[in-house]
Protein backbone atom coordinates (compact mmCIF):
# COMPACT_ATOMS: atom_id res chain seq x y z
CA UNK A 1 0.21 -0.11 -0.34
CA UNK A 2 1.00 3.63 -0.19
CA UNK A 3 2.86 5.63 2.09
CA UNK A 4 5.22 8.80 2.22
CA UNK A 5 8.95 8.52 2.88
CA UNK A 6 11.67 10.90 2.39
CA UNK A 7 11.37 13.33 -0.57
CA UNK A 8 13.90 12.60 -3.23
CA UNK A 9 16.59 15.15 -4.15
CA UNK A 10 15.09 16.78 -7.18
CA UNK A 11 11.44 15.77 -6.81
CA UNK A 12 8.26 17.90 -5.84
CA UNK A 13 5.45 16.69 -3.47
CA UNK A 14 3.81 13.34 -4.94
CA UNK A 15 0.95 14.29 -7.23
CA UNK A 16 -1.87 12.31 -6.07
CA UNK A 17 -3.07 9.89 -4.07
CA UNK A 18 -4.00 6.45 -6.22
CA UNK A 19 -7.13 4.61 -5.64
CA UNK A 20 -6.29 1.06 -4.70
CA UNK A 21 -9.47 -0.41 -6.12
CA UNK A 22 -9.21 0.89 -8.96
CA UNK A 23 -5.65 0.00 -9.22
CA UNK A 24 -6.55 -3.87 -8.13
CA UNK A 25 -9.25 -3.84 -10.60
CA UNK A 26 -6.92 -3.37 -13.71
CA UNK A 27 -4.02 -5.13 -12.86
CA UNK A 28 -7.04 -7.89 -12.26
CA UNK A 29 -7.51 -7.51 -16.27
CA UNK A 30 -4.23 -7.83 -17.34
CA UNK A 31 -3.11 -4.40 -17.17
CA UNK A 32 0.61 -3.77 -15.99
CA UNK A 33 1.48 -1.83 -12.27
CA UNK A 34 2.68 1.39 -13.77
CA UNK A 35 -0.21 1.44 -16.44
CA UNK A 36 -2.69 0.61 -13.39
CA UNK A 37 -1.68 2.42 -10.38
CA UNK A 38 -1.38 6.13 -13.07
CA UNK A 39 -5.06 4.71 -13.66
CA UNK A 40 -5.84 4.79 -10.18
CA UNK A 41 -4.27 8.67 -9.99
CA UNK A 42 -6.41 9.81 -12.50
CA UNK A 43 -3.10 11.07 -14.49
CA UNK A 44 -2.32 11.13 -18.26
CA UNK A 45 0.11 9.51 -19.64
CA UNK A 46 1.84 12.72 -20.85
CA UNK A 47 1.19 14.04 -16.91
CA UNK A 48 3.37 10.77 -15.55
CA UNK A 49 5.77 11.38 -17.73
CA UNK A 50 6.21 14.99 -17.24
CA UNK A 51 6.75 14.94 -13.96
CA UNK A 52 8.89 11.97 -13.29
CA UNK A 53 11.08 13.28 -15.64
CA UNK A 54 11.23 10.63 -18.50
CA UNK A 55 9.85 11.11 -22.03
CA UNK A 56 6.45 10.02 -23.30
CA UNK A 57 7.54 7.22 -25.62
CA UNK A 58 9.59 5.58 -22.94
CA UNK A 59 6.55 5.61 -20.76
CA UNK A 60 4.52 3.81 -23.46
CA UNK A 61 7.26 1.60 -23.35
CA UNK A 62 6.98 0.40 -19.44
CA UNK A 63 2.90 0.55 -19.34
CA UNK A 64 2.97 -2.31 -22.98
CA UNK A 65 5.85 -4.29 -20.76
CA UNK A 66 8.00 -3.97 -24.02
CA UNK A 67 10.82 -2.18 -21.82
CA UNK A 68 11.79 -2.94 -18.32
CA UNK A 69 11.93 0.26 -16.25
CA UNK A 70 15.43 0.77 -14.72
CA UNK A 71 15.37 1.49 -10.65
CA UNK A 72 15.83 5.15 -11.55
CA UNK A 73 12.55 5.26 -13.49
CA UNK A 74 10.74 3.27 -11.14
CA UNK A 75 11.93 5.53 -8.20
CA UNK A 76 10.27 8.64 -10.25
CA UNK A 77 7.05 7.14 -10.90
CA UNK A 78 6.24 5.63 -7.53
CA UNK A 79 7.66 9.08 -6.29
CA UNK A 80 4.77 10.96 -8.09
CA UNK A 81 2.16 8.53 -7.94
CA UNK A 82 2.50 8.42 -3.92
CA UNK A 83 3.45 4.93 -3.99
CA UNK A 84 6.78 2.52 -2.38
CA UNK A 85 8.80 1.14 -5.38
CA UNK A 86 7.80 -2.40 -5.07
CA UNK A 87 3.86 -1.56 -5.58
CA UNK A 88 5.41 -0.93 -9.54
CA UNK A 89 6.73 -4.41 -9.86
CA UNK A 90 4.95 -6.99 -12.19
């Protein structure tokens, strides 16, 4: 589940507080954890990519499972969504 942890250097406050039940439904339907949590936070791909400091194309590849996220990308996405890094792992 979510919790707040010390803010990594260079990151602003988490943008959203995602809805657990929305995330659970999307993962159960086959969505990647990144996609499910992004939808649960009611964020667009562009918003999440911009706030996490990654390219939209990279986020698209992460969500479609065509690319494995680096630890830095996982950390940034988790921070923006207000999650633990483990919440974004398959």
